[in-house]
Amino acid sequence: SLSRPGRVRLTIYDLAGRRVAQLHDATQLSGEHSVLWAPDGRLGKGMYFAHLQTEEGTMALKLMLK
């Protein structure tokens, strides 16, 4: 949830730190938002990291593709 409008970036990285997907990079209004990610067949099973960056801060989340 964004408390104020601002730029939002959501990027997926593999374990080697390579960017494998840029899911969002745009200005968003304040409030709740969601992004649906359907990985294509070129990504293998394993661990990935979702990196969310806003003007309010950043966070990372581990993702496991099975």
PDB file of N, CA and C in Angstrom:
ATOM      1  N   SER A   1       0.839  -1.174   0.000  1.00  0.00           N
ATOM      2  CA  SER A   1       0.000   0.000   0.000  1.00  0.00           C
ATOM      3  C   SER A   1       0.890   1.246   0.000  1.00  0.00           C
ATOM      4  N   LEU A   2       0.628   2.141  -0.919  1.00  0.00           N
ATOM      5  CA  LEU A   2       1.387   3.383  -1.006  1.00  0.00           C
ATOM      6  C   LEU A   2       0.639   4.492  -0.270  1.00  0.00           C
ATOM      7  N   SER A   3       1.333   5.201   0.587  1.00  0.00           N
ATOM      8  CA  SER A   3       0.692   6.289   1.328  1.00  0.00           C
ATOM      9  C   SER A   3       0.585   7.562   0.495  1.00  0.00           C
ATOM     10  N   ARG A   4       1.390   7.640  -0.577  1.00  0.00           N
ATOM     11  CA  ARG A   4       1.328   8.806  -1.470  1.00  0.00           C
ATOM     12  C   ARG A   4       1.737   8.371  -2.877  1.00  0.00           C
ATOM     13  N   PRO A   5       1.339   9.112  -3.892  1.00  0.00           N
ATOM     14  CA  PRO A   5       1.727   8.761  -5.260  1.00  0.00           C
ATOM     15  C   PRO A   5       3.245   8.798  -5.425  1.00  0.00           C
ATOM     16  N   GLY A   6       3.763   7.957  -6.310  1.00  0.00           N
ATOM     17  CA  GLY A   6       5.203   7.951  -6.567  1.00  0.00           C
ATOM     18  C   GLY A   6       5.591   6.838  -7.514  1.00  0.00           C
ATOM     19  N   ARG A   7       6.855   6.853  -7.880  1.00  0.00           N
ATOM     20  CA  ARG A   7       7.385   5.842  -8.791  1.00  0.00           C
ATOM     21  C   ARG A   7       7.546   4.513  -8.067  1.00  0.00           C
ATOM     22  N   VAL A   8       7.173   3.447  -8.754  1.00  0.00           N
ATOM     23  CA  VAL A   8       7.269   2.093  -8.215  1.00  0.00           C
ATOM     24  C   VAL A   8       7.977   1.218  -9.239  1.00  0.00           C
ATOM     25  N   ARG A   9       8.979   0.477  -8.763  1.00  0.00           N
ATOM     26  CA  ARG A   9       9.683  -0.489  -9.611  1.00  0.00           C
ATOM     27  C   ARG A   9       9.600  -1.856  -8.959  1.00  0.00           C
ATOM     28  N   LEU A  10       9.234  -2.846  -9.746  1.00  0.00           N
ATOM     29  CA  LEU A  10       9.211  -4.227  -9.279  1.00  0.00           C
ATOM     30  C   LEU A  10      10.013  -5.060 -10.267  1.00  0.00           C
ATOM     31  N   THR A  11      11.127  -5.604  -9.789  1.00  0.00           N
ATOM     32  CA  THR A  11      12.073  -6.314 -10.643  1.00  0.00           C
ATOM     33  C   THR A  11      12.337  -7.695 -10.058  1.00  0.00           C
ATOM     34  N   ILE A  12      12.476  -8.692 -10.929  1.00  0.00           N
ATOM     35  CA  ILE A  12      12.809 -10.057 -10.514  1.00  0.00           C
ATOM     36  C   ILE A  12      14.255 -10.343 -10.903  1.00  0.00           C
ATOM     37  N   TYR A  13      15.018 -10.896  -9.943  1.00  0.00           N
ATOM     38  CA  TYR A  13      16.427 -11.244 -10.164  1.00  0.00           C
ATOM     39  C   TYR A  13      16.633 -12.726  -9.888  1.00  0.00           C
ATOM     40  N   ASP A  14      17.598 -13.323 -10.597  1.00  0.00           N
ATOM     41  CA  ASP A  14      17.983 -14.699 -10.281  1.00  0.00           C
ATOM     42  C   ASP A  14      19.035 -14.671  -9.170  1.00  0.00           C
ATOM     43  N   LEU A  15      19.505 -15.845  -8.758  1.00  0.00           N
ATOM     44  CA  LEU A  15      20.458 -15.919  -7.649  1.00  0.00           C
ATOM     45  C   LEU A  15      21.795 -15.267  -7.974  1.00  0.00           C
ATOM     46  N   ALA A  16      22.132 -15.171  -9.256  1.00  0.00           N
ATOM     47  CA  ALA A  16      23.387 -14.533  -9.667  1.00  0.00           C
ATOM     48  C   ALA A  16      23.254 -13.013  -9.736  1.00  0.00           C
ATOM     49  N   GLY A  17      22.062 -12.489  -9.461  1.00  0.00           N
ATOM     50  CA  GLY A  17      21.851 -11.054  -9.484  1.00  0.00           C
ATOM     51  C   GLY A  17      21.481 -10.494 -10.843  1.00  0.00           C
ATOM     52  N   ARG A  18      21.213 -11.380 -11.804  1.00  0.00           N
ATOM     53  CA  ARG A  18      20.807 -10.927 -13.139  1.00  0.00           C
ATOM     54  C   ARG A  18      19.322 -10.621 -13.150  1.00  0.00           C
ATOM     55  N   ARG A  19      18.959  -9.502 -13.768  1.00  0.00           N
ATOM     56  CA  ARG A  19      17.541  -9.157 -13.902  1.00  0.00           C
ATOM     57  C   ARG A  19      16.914 -10.094 -14.924  1.00  0.00           C
ATOM     58  N   VAL A  20      15.843 -10.773 -14.519  1.00  0.00           N
ATOM     59  CA  VAL A  20      15.156 -11.700 -15.429  1.00  0.00           C
ATOM     60  C   VAL A  20      13.781 -11.195 -15.824  1.00  0.00           C
ATOM     61  N   ALA A  21      13.247 -10.213 -15.091  1.00  0.00           N
ATOM     62  CA  ALA A  21      11.937  -9.644 -15.438  1.00  0.00           C
ATOM     63  C   ALA A  21      11.789  -8.270 -14.794  1.00  0.00           C
ATOM     64  N   GLN A  22      11.253  -7.340 -15.561  1.00  0.00           N
ATOM     65  CA  GLN A  22      10.885  -6.017 -15.038  1.00  0.00           C
ATOM     66  C   GLN A  22       9.367  -5.980 -15.070  1.00  0.00           C
ATOM     67  N   LEU A  23       8.733  -6.152 -13.913  1.00  0.00           N
ATOM     68  CA  LEU A  23       7.281  -6.285 -13.866  1.00  0.00           C
ATOM     69  C   LEU A  23       6.554  -4.952 -13.826  1.00  0.00           C
ATOM     70  N   HIS A  24       7.211  -3.950 -13.273  1.00  0.00           N
ATOM     71  CA  HIS A  24       6.551  -2.639 -13.195  1.00  0.00           C
ATOM     72  C   HIS A  24       7.613  -1.568 -13.029  1.00  0.00           C
ATOM     73  N   ASP A  25       7.441  -0.455 -13.714  1.00  0.00           N
ATOM     74  CA  ASP A  25       8.324   0.702 -13.564  1.00  0.00           C
ATOM     75  C   ASP A  25       7.546   1.927 -14.022  1.00  0.00           C
ATOM     76  N   ALA A  26       6.758   2.492 -13.120  1.00  0.00           N
ATOM     77  CA  ALA A  26       5.891   3.619 -13.469  1.00  0.00           C
ATOM     78  C   ALA A  26       5.423   4.316 -12.197  1.00  0.00           C
ATOM     79  N   THR A  27       4.829   5.468 -12.379  1.00  0.00           N
ATOM     80  CA  THR A  27       4.242   6.201 -11.260  1.00  0.00           C
ATOM     81  C   THR A  27       2.885   5.588 -10.918  1.00  0.00           C
ATOM     82  N   GLN A  28       2.660   5.388  -9.637  1.00  0.00           N
ATOM     83  CA  GLN A  28       1.403   4.822  -9.139  1.00  0.00           C
ATOM     84  C   GLN A  28       0.729   5.826  -8.216  1.00  0.00           C
ATOM     85  N   LEU A  29      -0.570   5.804  -8.192  1.00  0.00           N
ATOM     86  CA  LEU A  29      -1.332   6.594  -7.230  1.00  0.00           C
ATOM     87  C   LEU A  29      -1.236   5.951  -5.855  1.00  0.00           C
ATOM     88  N   SER A  30      -1.590   6.676  -4.816  1.00  0.00           N
ATOM     89  CA  SER A  30      -1.594   6.097  -3.478  1.00  0.00           C
ATOM     90  C   SER A  30      -2.661   5.010  -3.392  1.00  0.00           C
ATOM     91  N   GLY A  31      -2.484   4.086  -2.442  1.00  0.00           N
ATOM     92  CA  GLY A  31      -3.452   3.010  -2.242  1.00  0.00           C
ATOM     93  C   GLY A  31      -2.861   1.638  -2.488  1.00  0.00           C
ATOM     94  N   GLU A  32      -3.740   0.644  -2.548  1.00  0.00           N
ATOM     95  CA  GLU A  32      -3.364  -0.758  -2.749  1.00  0.00           C
ATOM     96  C   GLU A  32      -3.199  -1.054  -4.234  1.00  0.00           C
ATOM     97  N   HIS A  33      -2.183  -1.854  -4.564  1.00  0.00           N
ATOM     98  CA  HIS A  33      -1.927  -2.257  -5.943  1.00  0.00           C
ATOM     99  C   HIS A  33      -1.464  -3.705  -5.945  1.00  0.00           C
ATOM    100  N   SER A  34      -1.624  -4.368  -7.075  1.00  0.00           N
ATOM    101  CA  SER A  34      -1.130  -5.741  -7.204  1.00  0.00           C
ATOM    102  C   SER A  34      -0.573  -5.935  -8.608  1.00  0.00           C
ATOM    103  N   VAL A  35       0.323  -6.914  -8.721  1.00  0.00           N
ATOM    104  CA  VAL A  35       0.934  -7.267 -10.001  1.00  0.00           C
ATOM    105  C   VAL A  35       0.868  -8.779 -10.129  1.00  0.00           C
ATOM    106  N   LEU A  36       0.420  -9.253 -11.263  1.00  0.00           N
ATOM    107  CA  LEU A  36       0.387 -10.686 -11.540  1.00  0.00           C
ATOM    108  C   LEU A  36       1.586 -11.030 -12.404  1.00  0.00           C
ATOM    109  N   TRP A  37       2.360 -12.027 -11.981  1.00  0.00           N
ATOM    110  CA  TRP A  37       3.530 -12.459 -12.743  1.00  0.00           C
ATOM    111  C   TRP A  37       3.334 -13.905 -13.154  1.00  0.00           C
ATOM    112  N   ALA A  38       3.331 -14.142 -14.452  1.00  0.00           N
ATOM    113  CA  ALA A  38       3.267 -15.494 -14.997  1.00  0.00           C
ATOM    114  C   ALA A  38       4.592 -15.734 -15.711  1.00  0.00           C
ATOM    115  N   PRO A  39       5.577 -16.344 -15.026  1.00  0.00           N
ATOM    116  CA  PRO A  39       6.895 -16.538 -15.632  1.00  0.00           C
ATOM    117  C   PRO A  39       6.799 -17.330 -16.932  1.00  0.00           C
ATOM    118  N   ASP A  40       7.591 -16.916 -17.904  1.00  0.00           N
ATOM    119  CA  ASP A  40       7.589 -17.662 -19.165  1.00  0.00           C
ATOM    120  C   ASP A  40       8.455 -18.916 -19.023  1.00  0.00           C
ATOM    121  N   GLY A  41       8.467 -19.744 -20.043  1.00  0.00           N
ATOM    122  CA  GLY A  41       9.155 -21.026 -19.987  1.00  0.00           C
ATOM    123  C   GLY A  41      10.665 -20.953 -19.961  1.00  0.00           C
ATOM    124  N   ARG A  42      11.252 -19.774 -20.188  1.00  0.00           N
ATOM    125  CA  ARG A  42      12.716 -19.686 -20.217  1.00  0.00           C
ATOM    126  C   ARG A  42      13.338 -19.677 -18.823  1.00  0.00           C
ATOM    127  N   LEU A  43      12.540 -19.423 -17.789  1.00  0.00           N
ATOM    128  CA  LEU A  43      13.067 -19.436 -16.428  1.00  0.00           C
ATOM    129  C   LEU A  43      12.974 -20.838 -15.855  1.00  0.00           C
ATOM    130  N   GLY A  44      14.065 -21.299 -15.304  1.00  0.00           N
ATOM    131  CA  GLY A  44      14.079 -22.625 -14.711  1.00  0.00           C
ATOM    132  C   GLY A  44      13.541 -22.620 -13.291  1.00  0.00           C
ATOM    133  N   LYS A  45      13.365 -23.814 -12.766  1.00  0.00           N
ATOM    134  CA  LYS A  45      12.951 -23.954 -11.375  1.00  0.00           C
ATOM    135  C   LYS A  45      14.052 -23.411 -10.481  1.00  0.00           C
ATOM    136  N   GLY A  46      13.652 -22.911  -9.331  1.00  0.00           N
ATOM    137  CA  GLY A  46      14.653 -22.433  -8.386  1.00  0.00           C
ATOM    138  C   GLY A  46      14.250 -21.153  -7.695  1.00  0.00           C
ATOM    139  N   MET A  47      15.245 -20.555  -7.030  1.00  0.00           N
ATOM    140  CA  MET A  47      15.032 -19.374  -6.205  1.00  0.00           C
ATOM    141  C   MET A  47      15.252 -18.103  -7.022  1.00  0.00           C
ATOM    142  N   TYR A  48      14.386 -17.132  -6.787  1.00  0.00           N
ATOM    143  CA  TYR A  48      14.480 -15.811  -7.401  1.00  0.00           C
ATOM    144  C   TYR A  48      14.173 -14.780  -6.325  1.00  0.00           C
ATOM    145  N   PHE A  49      14.481 -13.541  -6.613  1.00  0.00           N
ATOM    146  CA  PHE A  49      14.197 -12.456  -5.681  1.00  0.00           C
ATOM    147  C   PHE A  49      13.352 -11.397  -6.366  1.00  0.00           C
ATOM    148  N   ALA A  50      12.297 -10.971  -5.696  1.00  0.00           N
ATOM    149  CA  ALA A  50      11.492  -9.843  -6.153  1.00  0.00           C
ATOM    150  C   ALA A  50      11.975  -8.624  -5.372  1.00  0.00           C
ATOM    151  N   HIS A  51      12.337  -7.577  -6.082  1.00  0.00           N
ATOM    152  CA  HIS A  51      12.842  -6.354  -5.462  1.00  0.00           C
ATOM    153  C   HIS A  51      11.851  -5.235  -5.751  1.00  0.00           C
ATOM    154  N   LEU A  52      11.223  -4.723  -4.709  1.00  0.00           N
ATOM    155  CA  LEU A  52      10.240  -3.648  -4.825  1.00  0.00           C
ATOM    156  C   LEU A  52      10.880  -2.355  -4.337  1.00  0.00           C
ATOM    157  N   GLN A  53      10.876  -1.351  -5.204  1.00  0.00           N
ATOM    158  CA  GLN A  53      11.501  -0.072  -4.879  1.00  0.00           C
ATOM    159  C   GLN A  53      10.479   1.043  -5.061  1.00  0.00           C
ATOM    160  N   THR A  54      10.273   1.831  -4.002  1.00  0.00           N
ATOM    161  CA  THR A  54       9.376   2.987  -4.050  1.00  0.00           C
ATOM    162  C   THR A  54      10.106   4.181  -3.446  1.00  0.00           C
ATOM    163  N   GLU A  55       9.487   5.331  -3.505  1.00  0.00           N
ATOM    164  CA  GLU A  55      10.073   6.515  -2.879  1.00  0.00           C
ATOM    165  C   GLU A  55      10.041   6.404  -1.358  1.00  0.00           C
ATOM    166  N   GLU A  56       9.235   5.489  -0.835  1.00  0.00           N
ATOM    167  CA  GLU A  56       9.126   5.287   0.614  1.00  0.00           C
ATOM    168  C   GLU A  56      10.139   4.278   1.137  1.00  0.00           C
ATOM    169  N   GLY A  57      10.764   3.494   0.251  1.00  0.00           N
ATOM    170  CA  GLY A  57      11.727   2.496   0.680  1.00  0.00           C
ATOM    171  C   GLY A  57      11.796   1.330  -0.288  1.00  0.00           C
ATOM    172  N   THR A  58      12.528   0.300   0.116  1.00  0.00           N
ATOM    173  CA  THR A  58      12.683  -0.895  -0.712  1.00  0.00           C
ATOM    174  C   THR A  58      12.445  -2.137   0.131  1.00  0.00           C
ATOM    175  N   MET A  59      12.108  -3.219  -0.552  1.00  0.00           N
ATOM    176  CA  MET A  59      12.000  -4.508   0.118  1.00  0.00           C
ATOM    177  C   MET A  59      12.298  -5.606  -0.887  1.00  0.00           C
ATOM    178  N   ALA A  60      12.752  -6.742  -0.385  1.00  0.00           N
ATOM    179  CA  ALA A  60      13.040  -7.897  -1.229  1.00  0.00           C
ATOM    180  C   ALA A  60      12.293  -9.098  -0.672  1.00  0.00           C
ATOM    181  N   LEU A  61      11.873  -9.959  -1.579  1.00  0.00           N
ATOM    182  CA  LEU A  61      11.118 -11.150  -1.210  1.00  0.00           C
ATOM    183  C   LEU A  61      11.677 -12.331  -1.985  1.00  0.00           C
ATOM    184  N   LYS A  62      11.917 -13.449  -1.303  1.00  0.00           N
ATOM    185  CA  LYS A  62      12.366 -14.663  -1.978  1.00  0.00           C
ATOM    186  C   LYS A  62      11.181 -15.334  -2.650  1.00  0.00           C
ATOM    187  N   LEU A  63      11.403 -15.821  -3.862  1.00  0.00           N
ATOM    188  CA  LEU A  63      10.382 -16.551  -4.616  1.00  0.00           C
ATOM    189  C   LEU A  63      10.953 -17.899  -5.023  1.00  0.00           C
ATOM    190  N   MET A  64      10.142 -18.942  -4.958  1.00  0.00           N
ATOM    191  CA  MET A  64      10.572 -20.266  -5.395  1.00  0.00           C
ATOM    192  C   MET A  64       9.688 -20.710  -6.550  1.00  0.00           C
ATOM    193  N   LEU A  65      10.300 -20.959  -7.706  1.00  0.00           N
ATOM    194  CA  LEU A  65       9.566 -21.510  -8.847  1.00  0.00           C
ATOM    195  C   LEU A  65       9.722 -23.015  -8.810  1.00  0.00           C
ATOM    196  N   LYS A  66       8.598 -23.719  -8.866  1.00  0.00           N
ATOM    197  CA  LYS A  66       8.621 -25.185  -8.824  1.00  0.00           C
ATOM    198  C   LYS A  66       8.147 -25.749 -10.128  1.00  0.00           C
TER     199      LYS A  66
END
